[in-house]
Amino acid sequence: MDTRDRRDTRWEEVTPGVLRRRLPGWDETVGAVAGEDGVLLVDAGPTRAAAEEVAREVRDLLGLPVTRVVLTHAHFDHVLGAGAFPGAELYAAAGLSAHLADGGRAALAEDAVRHGGERGAAEADAAALPGEWREVRGGLTVSLGGARSVVLAALGPAHSPNDLVVLVPGGPSESPVPFVPSVPPVLFCGDLVEESGEPQAGPDAVPERWPAALGRLLALGGERARYVPGHGAVVDAAFVRAQRAALDRLANR
């Protein structure tokens, strides 16, 4: 679905039917992939209020509700909005359900508060998080109806203990002009890739394994992919290779 004539400039069309928005505050990305029967949302933002706004905007832009939610990793700015989608199919890397059951909700709320969030809202959003997720080990292809599907790939631990990425495969261009190239793949990277600043390595990161995760990311997306970082502008394979080299130098000091 072509959304280029739409008026909401907060959303960027990465390829047809694949959108992303950088949320205010922590500059985290949320992504939206239109299928035949609904929209797959990549990450849920830092609050239920933000996620509810995203859901309204996605319906306005794509004409479809959010029916699937994928979390790239369990940090508050990407997760705490997930309670806004109680009827959606939910996907995350293996380990999220156990993490939430083992004090993870309280830890997410505390992290949000440390970063300036309001305590009552953060605790309520953490309490509203779904407890059961379809957990991905290795890879999983998810059909969105019709010809569209996405591939979920678990690449962590790296930035977090459980990093998951979302590949939207490329395809032929809809243009009748023969020299117009095919639509490139899109890879939602979570915080394995950051463009708006240096990659952030918190206490749960595994820096020595991060470069290898980026190597697998590049193999998955390839040279033509558009790589959507967890924070910042869309980048290309050359940027990801440079970030992998920088992280490798840091890990081997």
Protein backbone atom coordinates (compact mmCIF):
# COMPACT_ATOMS: atom_id res chain seq x y z
CA MET A 1 0.00 0.00 0.00
CA ASP A 2 1.42 3.36 -1.05
CA THR A 3 1.16 5.98 1.69
CA ARG A 4 3.18 8.75 0.06
CA ASP A 5 0.13 11.02 -0.28
CA ARG A 6 -0.67 10.84 3.42
CA ARG A 7 -0.31 13.90 5.63
CA ASP A 8 1.23 12.46 8.79
CA THR A 9 4.87 13.36 8.26
CA ARG A 10 5.90 11.75 11.54
CA TRP A 11 5.81 8.43 9.69
CA GLU A 12 8.41 7.51 7.08
CA GLU A 13 7.63 5.04 4.30
CA VAL A 14 10.69 2.79 4.11
CA THR A 15 9.24 0.71 1.26
CA PRO A 16 5.61 0.35 0.14
CA GLY A 17 3.49 -0.80 3.06
CA VAL A 18 6.43 -0.65 5.48
CA LEU A 19 6.51 2.41 7.75
CA ARG A 20 8.46 3.61 10.73
CA ARG A 21 8.18 6.44 13.23
CA ARG A 22 10.76 7.87 15.65
CA LEU A 23 8.96 8.58 18.91
CA PRO A 24 9.73 11.72 20.93
CA GLY A 25 11.71 11.50 24.16
CA TRP A 26 14.14 8.63 23.68
CA ASP A 27 14.00 8.59 19.86
CA GLU A 28 13.05 4.92 19.74
CA THR A 29 11.66 3.51 16.50
CA VAL A 30 8.34 1.75 16.05
CA GLY A 31 7.71 0.00 12.75
CA ALA A 32 4.53 -1.02 10.95
CA VAL A 33 4.24 -3.67 8.24
CA ALA A 34 0.91 -3.86 6.40
CA GLY A 35 -0.48 -7.29 5.60
CA GLU A 36 -3.72 -8.38 4.04
CA ASP A 37 -5.55 -8.80 7.33
CA GLY A 38 -3.80 -6.39 9.68
CA VAL A 39 -0.59 -4.64 10.66
CA LEU A 40 2.45 -6.11 12.36
CA LEU A 41 3.94 -3.57 14.77
CA VAL A 42 7.66 -3.71 15.54
CA ASP A 43 8.14 -2.61 19.15
CA ALA A 44 5.51 -0.96 21.31
CA GLY A 45 7.11 2.23 22.61
CA PRO A 46 7.71 3.38 26.19
CA THR A 47 4.11 3.77 27.44
CA ARG A 48 0.62 2.49 26.73
CA ALA A 49 -0.43 6.05 25.92
CA ALA A 50 2.24 6.27 23.21
CA ALA A 51 1.28 2.84 21.87
CA GLU A 52 -2.40 3.77 21.70
CA GLU A 53 -1.49 6.87 19.68
CA VAL A 54 0.64 4.74 17.36
CA ALA A 55 -2.25 2.30 16.86
CA ARG A 56 -4.60 5.13 15.87
CA GLU A 57 -2.06 6.59 13.45
CA VAL A 58 -1.35 3.20 11.86
CA ARG A 59 -5.05 2.60 11.26
CA ASP A 60 -5.40 6.05 9.70
CA LEU A 61 -2.39 5.53 7.43
CA LEU A 62 -2.84 1.91 6.42
CA GLY A 63 -6.56 1.35 6.97
CA LEU A 64 -5.88 -1.72 9.13
CA PRO A 65 -5.64 -2.45 12.86
CA VAL A 66 -2.57 -3.71 14.69
CA THR A 67 -3.03 -7.49 14.88
CA ARG A 68 0.56 -8.60 15.63
CA VAL A 69 3.28 -7.13 17.85
CA VAL A 70 6.96 -8.08 17.83
CA LEU A 71 9.36 -6.92 20.53
CA THR A 72 13.00 -6.60 19.46
CA HIS A 73 14.28 -6.66 23.06
CA ALA A 74 13.10 -6.17 26.62
CA HIS A 75 14.07 -2.58 27.40
CA PHE A 76 11.41 -0.23 28.72
CA ASP A 77 11.43 2.21 25.79
CA HIS A 78 10.55 -0.59 23.37
CA VAL A 79 8.30 -2.72 25.59
CA LEU A 80 6.12 -0.84 28.08
CA GLY A 81 3.46 0.04 25.51
CA ALA A 82 2.67 -3.61 24.76
CA GLY A 83 -0.30 -3.67 27.14
CA ALA A 84 -2.18 -1.54 24.60
CA PHE A 85 -2.65 -4.60 22.34
CA PRO A 86 -4.42 -7.27 24.42
CA GLY A 87 -5.93 -9.03 21.40
CA ALA A 88 -2.84 -9.09 19.20
CA GLU A 89 -0.57 -12.02 18.41
CA LEU A 90 2.61 -11.41 20.40
CA TYR A 91 6.18 -12.37 19.47
CA ALA A 92 9.49 -11.98 21.27
CA ALA A 93 12.82 -13.72 21.63
CA ALA A 94 12.93 -16.75 23.88
CA GLY A 95 13.19 -15.83 27.55
CA LEU A 96 10.84 -12.85 27.71
CA SER A 97 7.98 -14.61 29.51
CA ALA A 98 10.34 -15.96 32.17
CA HIS A 99 11.96 -12.54 32.52
CA LEU A 100 8.61 -10.83 33.11
CA ALA A 101 7.59 -13.49 35.63
CA ASP A 102 10.88 -13.18 37.53
CA GLY A 103 10.81 -9.54 38.57
CA GLY A 104 11.17 -8.17 35.06
CA ARG A 105 8.06 -6.00 35.24
CA ALA A 106 9.31 -4.12 38.28
CA ALA A 107 12.75 -3.73 36.70
CA LEU A 108 11.24 -2.25 33.53
CA ALA A 109 9.20 0.24 35.55
CA GLU A 110 12.24 1.25 37.60
CA ASP A 111 14.29 1.76 34.45
CA ALA A 112 11.56 3.99 33.00
CA VAL A 113 11.53 6.06 36.21
CA ARG A 114 15.34 6.40 36.14
CA HIS A 115 15.01 7.81 32.64
CA GLY A 116 12.40 10.39 33.64
CA GLY A 117 9.14 8.46 33.44
CA GLU A 118 6.34 8.99 35.96
CA ARG A 119 6.35 6.18 38.54
CA GLY A 120 2.63 5.50 38.72
CA ALA A 121 2.21 5.30 34.97
CA ALA A 122 5.33 3.16 34.52
CA GLU A 123 4.20 0.67 37.17
CA ALA A 124 0.71 0.50 35.67
CA ASP A 125 2.11 -0.06 32.17
CA ALA A 126 4.43 -2.78 33.47
CA ALA A 127 1.55 -4.51 35.27
CA ALA A 128 -0.48 -4.45 32.04
CA LEU A 129 2.18 -6.26 30.00
CA PRO A 130 0.96 -9.58 28.60
CA GLY A 131 2.50 -12.56 30.33
CA GLU A 132 2.54 -15.02 27.45
CA TRP A 133 4.41 -14.45 24.18
CA ARG A 134 5.17 -16.67 21.24
CA GLU A 135 8.89 -16.96 21.77
CA VAL A 136 11.33 -17.25 18.88
CA ARG A 137 14.37 -19.50 18.96
CA GLY A 138 16.41 -19.27 15.80
CA GLY A 139 14.05 -18.08 13.07
CA LEU A 140 10.33 -17.97 12.39
CA THR A 141 8.36 -16.91 9.30
CA VAL A 142 5.08 -15.14 10.06
CA SER A 143 2.46 -14.79 7.32
CA LEU A 144 0.60 -11.49 7.25
CA GLY A 145 -1.95 -12.71 4.73
CA GLY A 146 -1.76 -12.68 0.97
CA ALA A 147 1.77 -12.62 -0.41
CA ARG A 148 3.37 -10.79 2.51
CA SER A 149 5.32 -12.44 5.28
CA VAL A 150 8.12 -11.43 7.62
CA VAL A 151 11.01 -13.38 9.11
CA LEU A 152 11.79 -13.08 12.81
CA ALA A 153 15.36 -13.98 13.75
CA ALA A 154 16.82 -14.25 17.25
CA LEU A 155 20.39 -12.88 17.13
CA GLY A 156 21.17 -12.18 20.78
CA PRO A 157 22.63 -11.99 23.28
CA ALA A 158 24.33 -8.77 22.21
CA HIS A 159 22.75 -5.40 23.03
CA SER A 160 20.46 -7.33 25.40
CA PRO A 161 20.18 -10.95 26.48
CA ASN A 162 17.44 -11.58 23.90
CA ASP A 163 17.76 -9.54 20.68
CA LEU A 164 15.25 -10.19 17.90
CA VAL A 165 15.15 -8.64 14.42
CA VAL A 166 12.40 -8.45 11.81
CA LEU A 167 13.14 -8.94 8.10
CA VAL A 168 10.60 -7.80 5.51
CA PRO A 169 11.78 -9.53 2.32
CA GLY A 170 12.13 -7.49 -0.85
CA GLY A 171 10.30 -8.16 -4.07
CA PRO A 172 9.62 -6.98 -7.61
CA SER A 173 8.88 -3.31 -8.13
CA GLU A 174 5.29 -2.38 -8.95
CA SER A 175 6.59 0.12 -11.50
CA PRO A 176 5.97 -0.76 -15.16
CA VAL A 177 9.31 0.85 -16.07
CA PRO A 178 11.80 -2.01 -16.59
CA PHE A 179 14.87 -0.22 -15.25
CA VAL A 180 13.26 0.59 -11.87
CA PRO A 181 14.94 -1.75 -9.36
CA SER A 182 13.04 -4.21 -7.24
CA VAL A 183 11.90 -3.25 -3.75
CA PRO A 184 14.79 -3.81 -1.31
CA PRO A 185 14.45 -5.83 1.89
CA VAL A 186 13.85 -3.94 5.13
CA LEU A 187 15.43 -5.10 8.37
CA PHE A 188 14.20 -3.74 11.71
CA CYS A 189 17.29 -4.10 13.87
CA GLY A 190 16.17 -3.04 17.34
CA ASP A 191 19.10 -1.61 19.28
CA LEU A 192 21.63 -3.92 17.66
CA VAL A 193 22.11 -0.87 15.41
CA GLU A 194 21.90 2.77 16.51
CA GLU A 195 22.41 5.76 14.26
CA SER A 196 21.60 8.77 16.46
CA GLY A 197 24.44 8.06 18.90
CA GLU A 198 26.97 5.48 19.97
CA PRO A 199 25.53 1.98 20.56
CA GLN A 200 24.39 1.77 24.18
CA ALA A 201 25.67 -1.14 26.25
CA GLY A 202 23.85 -1.39 29.56
CA PRO A 203 24.49 -3.89 32.35
CA ASP A 204 22.62 -6.66 30.49
CA ALA A 205 24.61 -6.28 27.25
CA VAL A 206 27.11 -8.88 26.06
CA PRO A 207 29.60 -6.71 24.13
CA GLU A 208 31.92 -9.54 23.13
CA ARG A 209 29.08 -11.20 21.19
CA TRP A 210 27.68 -8.04 19.61
CA PRO A 211 29.97 -7.96 16.52
CA ALA A 212 29.04 -11.56 15.64
CA ALA A 213 25.34 -10.67 15.96
CA LEU A 214 25.86 -7.83 13.49
CA GLY A 215 27.59 -10.24 11.13
CA ARG A 216 24.50 -12.47 11.19
CA LEU A 217 22.34 -9.37 10.71
CA LEU A 218 24.26 -8.44 7.55
CA ALA A 219 24.01 -11.99 6.22
CA LEU A 220 20.26 -11.89 6.78
CA GLY A 221 19.64 -8.52 5.15
CA GLY A 222 22.31 -8.42 2.47
CA GLU A 223 23.83 -5.46 0.67
CA ARG A 224 20.59 -3.98 -0.69
CA ALA A 225 18.59 -3.97 2.54
CA ARG A 226 17.45 -0.84 4.29
CA TYR A 227 18.44 -1.26 7.94
CA VAL A 228 16.11 0.42 10.44
CA PRO A 229 17.93 1.04 13.75
CA GLY A 230 16.30 1.15 17.14
CA HIS A 231 17.30 4.82 17.39
CA GLY A 232 18.10 7.12 14.49
CA ALA A 233 17.81 7.32 10.70
CA VAL A 234 17.56 4.40 8.31
CA VAL A 235 21.03 3.17 7.28
CA ASP A 236 22.67 0.87 4.75
CA ALA A 237 24.90 -2.19 4.97
CA ALA A 238 28.06 -0.07 4.92
CA PHE A 239 26.95 1.72 8.09
CA VAL A 240 26.24 -1.59 9.83
CA ARG A 241 29.66 -2.95 8.81
CA ALA A 242 31.34 0.17 10.22
CA GLN A 243 29.44 -0.14 13.48
CA ARG A 244 30.37 -3.83 13.70
CA ALA A 245 34.05 -2.94 13.23
CA ALA A 246 33.86 -0.26 15.94
CA LEU A 247 32.21 -2.65 18.39
CA ASP A 248 34.78 -5.33 17.55
CA ARG A 249 37.60 -2.93 18.39
CA LEU A 250 35.96 -2.06 21.71
CA ALA A 251 35.35 -5.71 22.59
CA ASN A 252 38.97 -6.61 21.90
CA ARG A 253 40.74 -3.80 23.74
